[in-house]
Amino acid sequence: MSAPNVNRLNIVRAAAMLFRKKGYSKTGLNEILAESKAPKGSLYYYFPQGKEQLGEEALRYSAQLAVRALEELRTANTTAPDLLKAFAARLCEWMEQSAFRDGCPMATTILETVPQSSALSIAAQDGFSAWCQIFEDLLLNDGAAPDAARRLASLTIAALEGSLIQARVEQSRRPVIEAAEEIAALMVLRSKPA
């Protein structure tokens, strides 16, 4: 990767991390530059539309981190319930590594910017849609009816999001693991053997 592309990626990574931990509105552009170690002029060169454009890129980057984790876990977890439980464990690892300062890779930014920013709203919708699609595809493979697969995939993401907030408050993995176990049990009930 060329130096300019590395600088751009470092800015996006730094923004994603800072937005997740501190919030979108409490994170300044100078702080992002300092964290990224990118040259000062890089920020406006790569993001001429400013913080909103950077926020959109950070949301897309964060969503893609979760997609990559799901795709990696999917190789060893070929049913929706198994993937959900493995992903829940991975989310808990991430949270524990941050001493429960992190949660969903996108939630903090979303709560501050959506629906006011249409660009960030679209990025958030795209991210959640990509996560849902992975579960929906597996549920269909597991034998769930199309409408049930769509609904369960959406419920899965909603349950994970809520449980991540609870886990952060309790500083415990319990809410995430229990939510995943309950949704996994529902997935088994709604799927038919092929």
N, C-alpha and C. Protein backbone atom coordinates (compact mmCIF):
# COMPACT_ATOMS: atom_id res chain seq x y z
N MET A 1 0.86 -1.18 0.00
CA MET A 1 0.00 0.00 0.00
C MET A 1 0.90 1.23 0.00
N SER A 2 0.59 2.18 -0.84
CA SER A 2 1.40 3.39 -0.93
C SER A 2 1.20 4.26 0.31
N ALA A 3 2.17 5.14 0.57
CA ALA A 3 2.11 6.00 1.76
C ALA A 3 0.82 6.81 1.84
N PRO A 4 0.37 7.44 0.72
CA PRO A 4 -0.88 8.19 0.82
C PRO A 4 -2.07 7.31 1.23
N ASN A 5 -2.13 6.09 0.67
CA ASN A 5 -3.24 5.20 1.03
C ASN A 5 -3.14 4.75 2.49
N VAL A 6 -1.91 4.55 2.96
CA VAL A 6 -1.72 4.19 4.37
C VAL A 6 -2.17 5.33 5.26
N ASN A 7 -1.84 6.56 4.90
CA ASN A 7 -2.27 7.71 5.70
C ASN A 7 -3.79 7.79 5.75
N ARG A 8 -4.44 7.60 4.61
CA ARG A 8 -5.91 7.66 4.56
C ARG A 8 -6.51 6.59 5.46
N LEU A 9 -6.00 5.35 5.31
CA LEU A 9 -6.52 4.25 6.13
C LEU A 9 -6.26 4.50 7.61
N ASN A 10 -5.11 5.02 7.95
CA ASN A 10 -4.81 5.31 9.35
C ASN A 10 -5.76 6.36 9.92
N ILE A 11 -6.11 7.35 9.12
CA ILE A 11 -7.08 8.37 9.56
C ILE A 11 -8.44 7.73 9.81
N VAL A 12 -8.89 6.88 8.89
CA VAL A 12 -10.19 6.22 9.05
C VAL A 12 -10.18 5.31 10.28
N ARG A 13 -9.12 4.54 10.45
CA ARG A 13 -9.02 3.65 11.62
C ARG A 13 -9.04 4.45 12.92
N ALA A 14 -8.27 5.53 12.95
CA ALA A 14 -8.22 6.36 14.16
C ALA A 14 -9.58 6.97 14.45
N ALA A 15 -10.24 7.47 13.41
CA ALA A 15 -11.57 8.05 13.61
C ALA A 15 -12.55 7.00 14.12
N ALA A 16 -12.54 5.82 13.51
CA ALA A 16 -13.46 4.75 13.93
C ALA A 16 -13.25 4.41 15.40
N MET A 17 -12.01 4.28 15.80
CA MET A 17 -11.71 3.92 17.19
C MET A 17 -12.11 5.04 18.15
N LEU A 18 -11.77 6.27 17.81
CA LEU A 18 -12.10 7.39 18.69
C LEU A 18 -13.61 7.64 18.75
N PHE A 19 -14.29 7.55 17.62
CA PHE A 19 -15.74 7.74 17.63
C PHE A 19 -16.40 6.66 18.49
N ARG A 20 -15.90 5.43 18.39
CA ARG A 20 -16.47 4.31 19.15
C ARG A 20 -16.27 4.52 20.64
N LYS A 21 -15.11 5.01 21.02
CA LYS A 21 -14.79 5.14 22.45
C LYS A 21 -15.27 6.44 23.07
N LYS A 22 -15.17 7.54 22.32
CA LYS A 22 -15.48 8.86 22.88
C LYS A 22 -16.76 9.47 22.36
N GLY A 23 -17.19 9.00 21.20
CA GLY A 23 -18.34 9.60 20.57
C GLY A 23 -17.92 10.50 19.42
N TYR A 24 -18.83 10.67 18.50
CA TYR A 24 -18.58 11.47 17.29
C TYR A 24 -18.37 12.94 17.64
N SER A 25 -19.28 13.49 18.43
CA SER A 25 -19.21 14.93 18.70
C SER A 25 -18.06 15.31 19.63
N LYS A 26 -17.60 14.39 20.47
CA LYS A 26 -16.53 14.70 21.41
C LYS A 26 -15.14 14.42 20.85
N THR A 27 -15.09 13.94 19.63
CA THR A 27 -13.80 13.65 19.00
C THR A 27 -13.47 14.76 18.02
N GLY A 28 -12.36 15.42 18.25
CA GLY A 28 -11.93 16.51 17.37
C GLY A 28 -11.04 16.01 16.24
N LEU A 29 -11.01 16.77 15.17
CA LEU A 29 -10.20 16.40 14.01
C LEU A 29 -8.71 16.38 14.35
N ASN A 30 -8.25 17.31 15.19
CA ASN A 30 -6.84 17.30 15.59
C ASN A 30 -6.49 16.03 16.37
N GLU A 31 -7.41 15.58 17.16
CA GLU A 31 -7.21 14.35 17.92
C GLU A 31 -7.10 13.15 16.97
N ILE A 32 -7.95 13.13 15.95
CA ILE A 32 -7.89 12.05 14.95
C ILE A 32 -6.54 12.07 14.24
N LEU A 33 -6.11 13.25 13.84
CA LEU A 33 -4.80 13.38 13.18
C LEU A 33 -3.67 12.90 14.10
N ALA A 34 -3.71 13.28 15.34
CA ALA A 34 -2.66 12.87 16.27
C ALA A 34 -2.65 11.35 16.43
N GLU A 35 -3.81 10.76 16.58
CA GLU A 35 -3.91 9.31 16.75
C GLU A 35 -3.46 8.57 15.49
N SER A 36 -3.77 9.12 14.33
CA SER A 36 -3.44 8.46 13.07
C SER A 36 -1.98 8.62 12.67
N LYS A 37 -1.33 9.65 13.23
CA LYS A 37 0.05 10.00 12.88
C LYS A 37 0.19 10.35 11.39
N ALA A 38 -0.90 10.80 10.80
CA ALA A 38 -0.88 11.23 9.39
C ALA A 38 -0.47 12.70 9.32
N PRO A 39 0.12 13.11 8.21
CA PRO A 39 0.47 14.52 8.05
C PRO A 39 -0.77 15.42 8.16
N LYS A 40 -0.58 16.60 8.68
CA LYS A 40 -1.69 17.52 8.98
C LYS A 40 -2.60 17.80 7.78
N GLY A 41 -2.03 18.00 6.61
CA GLY A 41 -2.85 18.30 5.44
C GLY A 41 -3.64 17.12 4.91
N SER A 42 -3.34 15.91 5.42
CA SER A 42 -3.99 14.70 4.91
C SER A 42 -5.49 14.69 5.12
N LEU A 43 -5.90 15.18 6.27
CA LEU A 43 -7.32 15.09 6.62
C LEU A 43 -8.20 15.77 5.56
N TYR A 44 -7.91 16.98 5.23
CA TYR A 44 -8.76 17.68 4.26
C TYR A 44 -8.47 17.27 2.83
N TYR A 45 -7.28 16.71 2.60
CA TYR A 45 -6.97 16.19 1.27
C TYR A 45 -7.85 14.97 0.98
N TYR A 46 -7.91 14.04 1.94
CA TYR A 46 -8.67 12.81 1.74
C TYR A 46 -10.16 12.97 2.04
N PHE A 47 -10.49 13.93 2.88
CA PHE A 47 -11.88 14.13 3.30
C PHE A 47 -12.25 15.60 3.15
N PRO A 48 -12.35 16.06 1.89
CA PRO A 48 -12.60 17.49 1.65
C PRO A 48 -13.95 17.96 2.18
N GLN A 49 -14.88 17.03 2.42
CA GLN A 49 -16.19 17.41 2.95
C GLN A 49 -16.20 17.41 4.48
N GLY A 50 -15.04 17.17 5.08
CA GLY A 50 -14.91 17.32 6.52
C GLY A 50 -15.29 16.11 7.34
N LYS A 51 -15.68 16.39 8.56
CA LYS A 51 -15.91 15.35 9.56
C LYS A 51 -17.04 14.41 9.17
N GLU A 52 -18.08 14.91 8.53
CA GLU A 52 -19.18 14.03 8.14
C GLU A 52 -18.70 12.97 7.14
N GLN A 53 -17.91 13.38 6.18
CA GLN A 53 -17.37 12.42 5.21
C GLN A 53 -16.48 11.40 5.92
N LEU A 54 -15.65 11.86 6.83
CA LEU A 54 -14.80 10.97 7.60
C LEU A 54 -15.66 10.03 8.47
N GLY A 55 -16.73 10.56 9.05
CA GLY A 55 -17.63 9.74 9.85
C GLY A 55 -18.26 8.63 9.03
N GLU A 56 -18.67 8.97 7.81
CA GLU A 56 -19.25 7.96 6.92
C GLU A 56 -18.22 6.86 6.63
N GLU A 57 -17.00 7.26 6.30
CA GLU A 57 -15.95 6.27 6.02
C GLU A 57 -15.65 5.42 7.25
N ALA A 58 -15.64 6.05 8.42
CA ALA A 58 -15.38 5.32 9.66
C ALA A 58 -16.48 4.30 9.94
N LEU A 59 -17.73 4.67 9.69
CA LEU A 59 -18.84 3.73 9.86
C LEU A 59 -18.70 2.55 8.90
N ARG A 60 -18.38 2.83 7.65
CA ARG A 60 -18.22 1.76 6.66
C ARG A 60 -17.05 0.85 7.03
N TYR A 61 -15.97 1.44 7.49
CA TYR A 61 -14.81 0.65 7.93
C TYR A 61 -15.21 -0.24 9.12
N SER A 62 -15.90 0.32 10.10
CA SER A 62 -16.31 -0.43 11.28
C SER A 62 -17.26 -1.56 10.93
N ALA A 63 -18.21 -1.28 10.05
CA ALA A 63 -19.14 -2.33 9.62
C ALA A 63 -18.39 -3.46 8.93
N GLN A 64 -17.40 -3.09 8.14
CA GLN A 64 -16.63 -4.09 7.41
C GLN A 64 -15.81 -4.96 8.36
N LEU A 65 -15.35 -4.41 9.47
CA LEU A 65 -14.64 -5.22 10.47
C LEU A 65 -15.53 -6.36 10.97
N ALA A 66 -16.78 -6.03 11.24
CA ALA A 66 -17.72 -7.05 11.71
C ALA A 66 -18.02 -8.06 10.60
N VAL A 67 -18.18 -7.59 9.37
CA VAL A 67 -18.43 -8.50 8.25
C VAL A 67 -17.26 -9.46 8.09
N ARG A 68 -16.04 -8.95 8.16
CA ARG A 68 -14.86 -9.82 8.03
C ARG A 68 -14.82 -10.85 9.16
N ALA A 69 -15.16 -10.43 10.37
CA ALA A 69 -15.18 -11.37 11.49
C ALA A 69 -16.24 -12.45 11.25
N LEU A 70 -17.42 -12.03 10.80
CA LEU A 70 -18.48 -13.01 10.51
C LEU A 70 -18.06 -13.98 9.41
N GLU A 71 -17.45 -13.47 8.36
CA GLU A 71 -17.03 -14.33 7.26
C GLU A 71 -15.93 -15.30 7.71
N GLU A 72 -15.02 -14.83 8.53
CA GLU A 72 -13.97 -15.70 9.06
C GLU A 72 -14.58 -16.80 9.93
N LEU A 73 -15.48 -16.41 10.82
CA LEU A 73 -16.10 -17.39 11.71
C LEU A 73 -17.02 -18.35 10.96
N ARG A 74 -17.55 -17.89 9.86
CA ARG A 74 -18.49 -18.71 9.09
C ARG A 74 -17.82 -19.96 8.51
N THR A 75 -16.54 -19.91 8.28
CA THR A 75 -15.86 -21.09 7.72
C THR A 75 -15.93 -22.29 8.66
N ALA A 76 -15.92 -22.04 9.97
CA ALA A 76 -15.98 -23.13 10.95
C ALA A 76 -17.36 -23.27 11.58
N ASN A 77 -18.25 -22.33 11.34
CA ASN A 77 -19.58 -22.33 11.95
C ASN A 77 -20.60 -22.21 10.82
N THR A 78 -21.07 -23.33 10.34
CA THR A 78 -21.83 -23.35 9.09
C THR A 78 -23.34 -23.23 9.27
N THR A 79 -23.81 -23.17 10.49
CA THR A 79 -25.24 -22.93 10.71
C THR A 79 -25.40 -21.56 11.37
N ALA A 80 -26.57 -20.98 11.22
CA ALA A 80 -26.81 -19.66 11.81
C ALA A 80 -26.64 -19.66 13.33
N PRO A 81 -27.19 -20.67 14.05
CA PRO A 81 -27.00 -20.65 15.51
C PRO A 81 -25.53 -20.75 15.92
N ASP A 82 -24.78 -21.59 15.22
CA ASP A 82 -23.36 -21.73 15.55
C ASP A 82 -22.59 -20.44 15.27
N LEU A 83 -22.89 -19.82 14.12
CA LEU A 83 -22.22 -18.56 13.78
C LEU A 83 -22.56 -17.48 14.81
N LEU A 84 -23.81 -17.41 15.20
CA LEU A 84 -24.22 -16.40 16.17
C LEU A 84 -23.47 -16.57 17.48
N LYS A 85 -23.38 -17.79 17.98
CA LYS A 85 -22.69 -18.01 19.25
C LYS A 85 -21.19 -17.70 19.14
N ALA A 86 -20.60 -18.06 18.01
CA ALA A 86 -19.18 -17.77 17.81
C ALA A 86 -18.95 -16.26 17.70
N PHE A 87 -19.84 -15.56 17.00
CA PHE A 87 -19.71 -14.12 16.85
C PHE A 87 -19.92 -13.42 18.19
N ALA A 88 -20.86 -13.90 18.98
CA ALA A 88 -21.08 -13.32 20.31
C ALA A 88 -19.83 -13.46 21.16
N ALA A 89 -19.19 -14.62 21.08
CA ALA A 89 -17.95 -14.81 21.84
C ALA A 89 -16.87 -13.85 21.36
N ARG A 90 -16.78 -13.64 20.04
CA ARG A 90 -15.79 -12.71 19.49
C ARG A 90 -16.09 -11.28 19.96
N LEU A 91 -17.35 -10.88 19.94
CA LEU A 91 -17.72 -9.54 20.42
C LEU A 91 -17.32 -9.37 21.89
N CYS A 92 -17.54 -10.41 22.67
CA CYS A 92 -17.17 -10.35 24.09
C CYS A 92 -15.66 -10.21 24.25
N GLU A 93 -14.89 -10.90 23.42
CA GLU A 93 -13.43 -10.76 23.47
C GLU A 93 -13.03 -9.31 23.19
N TRP A 94 -13.63 -8.72 22.15
CA TRP A 94 -13.33 -7.34 21.82
C TRP A 94 -13.65 -6.41 22.98
N MET A 95 -14.82 -6.66 23.60
CA MET A 95 -15.22 -5.79 24.71
C MET A 95 -14.29 -5.94 25.90
N GLU A 96 -13.94 -7.17 26.21
CA GLU A 96 -13.04 -7.40 27.35
C GLU A 96 -11.66 -6.79 27.10
N GLN A 97 -11.17 -6.86 25.87
CA GLN A 97 -9.87 -6.26 25.54
C GLN A 97 -9.89 -4.75 25.75
N SER A 98 -11.05 -4.13 25.61
CA SER A 98 -11.15 -2.68 25.80
C SER A 98 -11.61 -2.32 27.21
N ALA A 99 -11.64 -3.30 28.11
CA ALA A 99 -12.16 -3.09 29.47
C ALA A 99 -13.59 -2.54 29.42
N PHE A 100 -14.36 -3.06 28.47
CA PHE A 100 -15.77 -2.71 28.27
C PHE A 100 -15.98 -1.23 27.92
N ARG A 101 -14.98 -0.62 27.31
CA ARG A 101 -15.15 0.75 26.82
C ARG A 101 -15.71 0.75 25.40
N ASP A 102 -15.51 -0.36 24.70
CA ASP A 102 -16.04 -0.50 23.35
C ASP A 102 -17.37 -1.25 23.41
N GLY A 103 -18.09 -1.14 22.33
CA GLY A 103 -19.31 -1.90 22.18
C GLY A 103 -19.45 -2.22 20.71
N CYS A 104 -20.60 -1.98 20.17
CA CYS A 104 -20.81 -2.15 18.74
C CYS A 104 -19.87 -1.22 18.00
N PRO A 105 -19.25 -1.71 16.91
CA PRO A 105 -18.34 -0.85 16.17
C PRO A 105 -18.99 0.41 15.59
N MET A 106 -20.32 0.42 15.49
CA MET A 106 -20.99 1.56 14.86
C MET A 106 -21.92 2.34 15.78
N ALA A 107 -22.36 1.74 16.86
CA ALA A 107 -23.47 2.30 17.65
C ALA A 107 -23.24 3.72 18.17
N THR A 108 -22.09 4.00 18.73
CA THR A 108 -21.86 5.31 19.32
C THR A 108 -22.01 6.42 18.28
N THR A 109 -21.42 6.20 17.12
CA THR A 109 -21.53 7.20 16.05
C THR A 109 -22.97 7.32 15.57
N ILE A 110 -23.64 6.19 15.41
CA ILE A 110 -25.02 6.19 14.92
C ILE A 110 -25.94 6.97 15.86
N LEU A 111 -25.79 6.73 17.14
CA LEU A 111 -26.68 7.38 18.11
C LEU A 111 -26.55 8.89 18.10
N GLU A 112 -25.38 9.39 17.71
CA GLU A 112 -25.17 10.84 17.69
C GLU A 112 -25.49 11.49 16.35
N THR A 113 -25.51 10.72 15.28
CA THR A 113 -25.57 11.35 13.95
C THR A 113 -26.78 10.98 13.10
N VAL A 114 -27.46 9.92 13.46
CA VAL A 114 -28.57 9.44 12.64
C VAL A 114 -29.88 9.79 13.34
N PRO A 115 -30.86 10.31 12.66
CA PRO A 115 -31.03 10.47 11.22
C PRO A 115 -30.61 11.85 10.68
N GLN A 116 -29.98 12.67 11.51
CA GLN A 116 -29.63 14.02 11.06
C GLN A 116 -28.75 14.02 9.81
N SER A 117 -27.82 13.10 9.73
CA SER A 117 -26.92 13.02 8.57
C SER A 117 -27.38 11.90 7.65
N SER A 118 -27.79 12.26 6.45
CA SER A 118 -28.24 11.22 5.52
C SER A 118 -27.07 10.33 5.09
N ALA A 119 -25.88 10.89 4.95
CA ALA A 119 -24.71 10.09 4.55
C ALA A 119 -24.39 9.04 5.61
N LEU A 120 -24.41 9.44 6.87
CA LEU A 120 -24.13 8.48 7.94
C LEU A 120 -25.29 7.50 8.12
N SER A 121 -26.51 7.95 7.88
CA SER A 121 -27.66 7.05 7.96
C SER A 121 -27.55 5.94 6.92
N ILE A 122 -27.18 6.31 5.70
CA ILE A 122 -27.03 5.31 4.63
C ILE A 122 -25.90 4.35 4.96
N ALA A 123 -24.79 4.87 5.46
CA ALA A 123 -23.66 4.00 5.83
C ALA A 123 -24.08 3.02 6.92
N ALA A 124 -24.84 3.49 7.90
CA ALA A 124 -25.31 2.62 8.98
C ALA A 124 -26.28 1.57 8.45
N GLN A 125 -27.20 1.98 7.60
CA GLN A 125 -28.13 1.02 7.00
C GLN A 125 -27.39 -0.05 6.22
N ASP A 126 -26.41 0.37 5.43
CA ASP A 126 -25.62 -0.58 4.65
C ASP A 126 -24.89 -1.57 5.55
N GLY A 127 -24.33 -1.06 6.64
CA GLY A 127 -23.61 -1.93 7.58
C GLY A 127 -24.51 -2.97 8.21
N PHE A 128 -25.63 -2.52 8.77
CA PHE A 128 -26.56 -3.46 9.39
C PHE A 128 -27.13 -4.43 8.36
N SER A 129 -27.39 -3.95 7.18
CA SER A 129 -27.91 -4.80 6.12
C SER A 129 -26.92 -5.92 5.78
N ALA A 130 -25.63 -5.58 5.71
CA ALA A 130 -24.60 -6.59 5.41
C ALA A 130 -24.54 -7.64 6.51
N TRP A 131 -24.64 -7.20 7.77
CA TRP A 131 -24.61 -8.15 8.87
C TRP A 131 -25.84 -9.06 8.82
N CYS A 132 -27.00 -8.45 8.60
CA CYS A 132 -28.24 -9.24 8.51
C CYS A 132 -28.19 -10.25 7.37
N GLN A 133 -27.64 -9.83 6.25
CA GLN A 133 -27.62 -10.71 5.08
C GLN A 133 -26.85 -12.00 5.34
N ILE A 134 -25.78 -11.90 6.07
CA ILE A 134 -24.99 -13.10 6.40
C ILE A 134 -25.85 -14.08 7.19
N PHE A 135 -26.55 -13.59 8.21
CA PHE A 135 -27.40 -14.47 9.01
C PHE A 135 -28.61 -14.96 8.20
N GLU A 136 -29.19 -14.09 7.40
CA GLU A 136 -30.34 -14.49 6.59
C GLU A 136 -29.96 -15.62 5.64
N ASP A 137 -28.81 -15.49 4.98
CA ASP A 137 -28.37 -16.54 4.05
C ASP A 137 -28.19 -17.87 4.77
N LEU A 138 -27.58 -17.84 5.94
CA LEU A 138 -27.40 -19.09 6.69
C LEU A 138 -28.72 -19.66 7.16
N LEU A 139 -29.62 -18.80 7.61
CA LEU A 139 -30.93 -19.28 8.04
C LEU A 139 -31.68 -19.94 6.88
N LEU A 140 -31.58 -19.36 5.71
CA LEU A 140 -32.20 -19.99 4.54
C LEU A 140 -31.57 -21.35 4.27
N ASN A 141 -30.24 -21.43 4.38
CA ASN A 141 -29.56 -22.71 4.21
C ASN A 141 -29.97 -23.72 5.27
N ASP A 142 -30.28 -23.21 6.46
CA ASP A 142 -30.71 -24.09 7.57
C ASP A 142 -32.15 -24.56 7.42
N GLY A 143 -32.87 -24.00 6.44
CA GLY A 143 -34.24 -24.43 6.18
C GLY A 143 -35.32 -23.48 6.65
N ALA A 144 -34.96 -22.30 7.11
CA ALA A 144 -35.98 -21.33 7.54
C ALA A 144 -36.70 -20.78 6.31
N ALA A 145 -37.97 -20.47 6.47
CA ALA A 145 -38.74 -19.83 5.41
C ALA A 145 -38.16 -18.43 5.17
N PRO A 146 -38.28 -17.91 3.95
CA PRO A 146 -37.68 -16.61 3.64
C PRO A 146 -38.07 -15.49 4.60
N ASP A 147 -39.36 -15.35 4.91
CA ASP A 147 -39.77 -14.27 5.80
C ASP A 147 -39.22 -14.48 7.21
N ALA A 148 -39.23 -15.73 7.67
CA ALA A 148 -38.67 -16.04 8.99
C ALA A 148 -37.17 -15.76 9.02
N ALA A 149 -36.48 -16.10 7.95
CA ALA A 149 -35.03 -15.87 7.89
C ALA A 149 -34.73 -14.38 7.96
N ARG A 150 -35.50 -13.58 7.22
CA ARG A 150 -35.29 -12.13 7.23
C ARG A 150 -35.55 -11.55 8.62
N ARG A 151 -36.67 -11.96 9.21
CA ARG A 151 -37.02 -11.45 10.54
C ARG A 151 -36.03 -11.87 11.61
N LEU A 152 -35.62 -13.13 11.57
CA LEU A 152 -34.66 -13.62 12.56
C LEU A 152 -33.29 -12.96 12.42
N ALA A 153 -32.89 -12.71 11.19
CA ALA A 153 -31.62 -12.02 10.97
C ALA A 153 -31.67 -10.61 11.57
N SER A 154 -32.77 -9.92 11.36
CA SER A 154 -32.93 -8.58 11.92
C SER A 154 -32.99 -8.63 13.45
N LEU A 155 -33.72 -9.60 13.99
CA LEU A 155 -33.80 -9.77 15.44
C LEU A 155 -32.42 -10.09 16.02
N THR A 156 -31.64 -10.85 15.31
CA THR A 156 -30.30 -11.20 15.76
C THR A 156 -29.46 -9.95 15.98
N ILE A 157 -29.47 -9.07 15.00
CA ILE A 157 -28.67 -7.85 15.11
C ILE A 157 -29.23 -6.96 16.22
N ALA A 158 -30.54 -6.85 16.31
CA ALA A 158 -31.15 -6.03 17.36
C ALA A 158 -30.79 -6.57 18.75
N ALA A 159 -30.84 -7.89 18.91
CA ALA A 159 -30.51 -8.50 20.20
C ALA A 159 -29.04 -8.29 20.55
N LEU A 160 -28.17 -8.44 19.56
CA LEU A 160 -26.75 -8.21 19.81
C LEU A 160 -26.49 -6.76 20.21
N GLU A 161 -27.12 -5.83 19.49
CA GLU A 161 -26.92 -4.41 19.80
C GLU A 161 -27.34 -4.10 21.23
N GLY A 162 -28.51 -4.54 21.60
CA GLY A 162 -29.00 -4.29 22.96
C GLY A 162 -28.13 -4.96 24.01
N SER A 163 -27.70 -6.18 23.72
CA SER A 163 -26.90 -6.91 24.70
C SER A 163 -25.51 -6.29 24.86
N LEU A 164 -24.98 -5.67 23.80
CA LEU A 164 -23.68 -5.00 23.91
C LEU A 164 -23.77 -3.80 24.86
N ILE A 165 -24.88 -3.10 24.80
CA ILE A 165 -25.08 -1.97 25.72
C ILE A 165 -25.17 -2.49 27.16
N GLN A 166 -25.95 -3.55 27.35
CA GLN A 166 -26.06 -4.13 28.69
C GLN A 166 -24.71 -4.63 29.20
N ALA A 167 -23.95 -5.27 28.32
CA ALA A 167 -22.64 -5.80 28.71
C ALA A 167 -21.72 -4.67 29.14
N ARG A 168 -21.80 -3.56 28.44
CA ARG A 168 -20.96 -2.42 28.78
C ARG A 168 -21.33 -1.85 30.14
N VAL A 169 -22.63 -1.76 30.40
CA VAL A 169 -23.10 -1.26 31.70
C VAL A 169 -22.68 -2.21 32.83
N GLU A 170 -22.88 -3.52 32.61
CA GLU A 170 -22.59 -4.52 33.64
C GLU A 170 -21.11 -4.90 33.69
N GLN A 171 -20.37 -4.52 32.65
CA GLN A 171 -18.98 -4.94 32.49
C GLN A 171 -18.88 -6.46 32.60
N SER A 172 -19.73 -7.09 31.81
CA SER A 172 -19.82 -8.54 31.82
C SER A 172 -20.21 -9.04 30.44
N ARG A 173 -19.71 -10.20 30.07
CA ARG A 173 -20.09 -10.80 28.80
C ARG A 173 -21.46 -11.48 28.87
N ARG A 174 -21.98 -11.69 30.07
CA ARG A 174 -23.22 -12.43 30.27
C ARG A 174 -24.36 -11.99 29.36
N PRO A 175 -24.69 -10.70 29.26
CA PRO A 175 -25.83 -10.32 28.42
C PRO A 175 -25.66 -10.72 26.95
N VAL A 176 -24.46 -10.62 26.43
CA VAL A 176 -24.23 -10.96 25.02
C VAL A 176 -24.37 -12.47 24.81
N ILE A 177 -23.75 -13.24 25.68
CA ILE A 177 -23.79 -14.69 25.55
C ILE A 177 -25.21 -15.21 25.72
N GLU A 178 -25.93 -14.71 26.71
CA GLU A 178 -27.30 -15.17 26.94
C GLU A 178 -28.23 -14.77 25.80
N ALA A 179 -28.08 -13.56 25.28
CA ALA A 179 -28.91 -13.14 24.14
C ALA A 179 -28.64 -14.04 22.95
N ALA A 180 -27.36 -14.32 22.69
CA ALA A 180 -27.00 -15.19 21.56
C ALA A 180 -27.58 -16.59 21.74
N GLU A 181 -27.50 -17.11 22.95
CA GLU A 181 -28.04 -18.46 23.20
C GLU A 181 -29.55 -18.51 22.97
N GLU A 182 -30.26 -17.48 23.42
CA GLU A 182 -31.71 -17.46 23.25
C GLU A 182 -32.10 -17.32 21.78
N ILE A 183 -31.44 -16.43 21.06
CA ILE A 183 -31.74 -16.25 19.64
C ILE A 183 -31.35 -17.51 18.87
N ALA A 184 -30.23 -18.14 19.22
CA ALA A 184 -29.81 -19.38 18.56
C ALA A 184 -30.87 -20.47 18.75
N ALA A 185 -31.44 -20.56 19.95
CA ALA A 185 -32.49 -21.55 20.20
C ALA A 185 -33.72 -21.26 19.32
N LEU A 186 -34.05 -19.99 19.18
CA LEU A 186 -35.18 -19.62 18.32
C LEU A 186 -34.86 -19.94 16.85
N MET A 187 -33.64 -19.74 16.45
CA MET A 187 -33.24 -20.08 15.08
C MET A 187 -33.45 -21.57 14.79
N VAL A 188 -33.08 -22.40 15.77
CA VAL A 188 -33.24 -23.85 15.61
C VAL A 188 -34.73 -24.19 15.46
N LEU A 189 -35.58 -23.57 16.26
CA LEU A 189 -37.01 -23.82 16.19
C LEU A 189 -37.62 -23.40 14.85
N ARG A 190 -37.11 -22.31 14.29
CA ARG A 190 -37.69 -21.77 13.06
C ARG A 190 -37.10 -22.37 11.78
N SER A 191 -36.07 -23.20 11.93
CA SER A 191 -35.44 -23.84 10.78
C SER A 191 -35.92 -25.27 10.66
N LYS A 192 -36.02 -25.74 9.43
CA LYS A 192 -36.42 -27.12 9.19
C LYS A 192 -35.22 -27.86 8.62
N PRO A 193 -35.09 -29.15 8.97
CA PRO A 193 -33.98 -29.89 8.37
C PRO A 193 -34.14 -29.95 6.85
N ALA A 194 -33.00 -29.86 6.15
CA ALA A 194 -33.03 -29.86 4.68
C ALA A 194 -33.32 -31.25 4.15
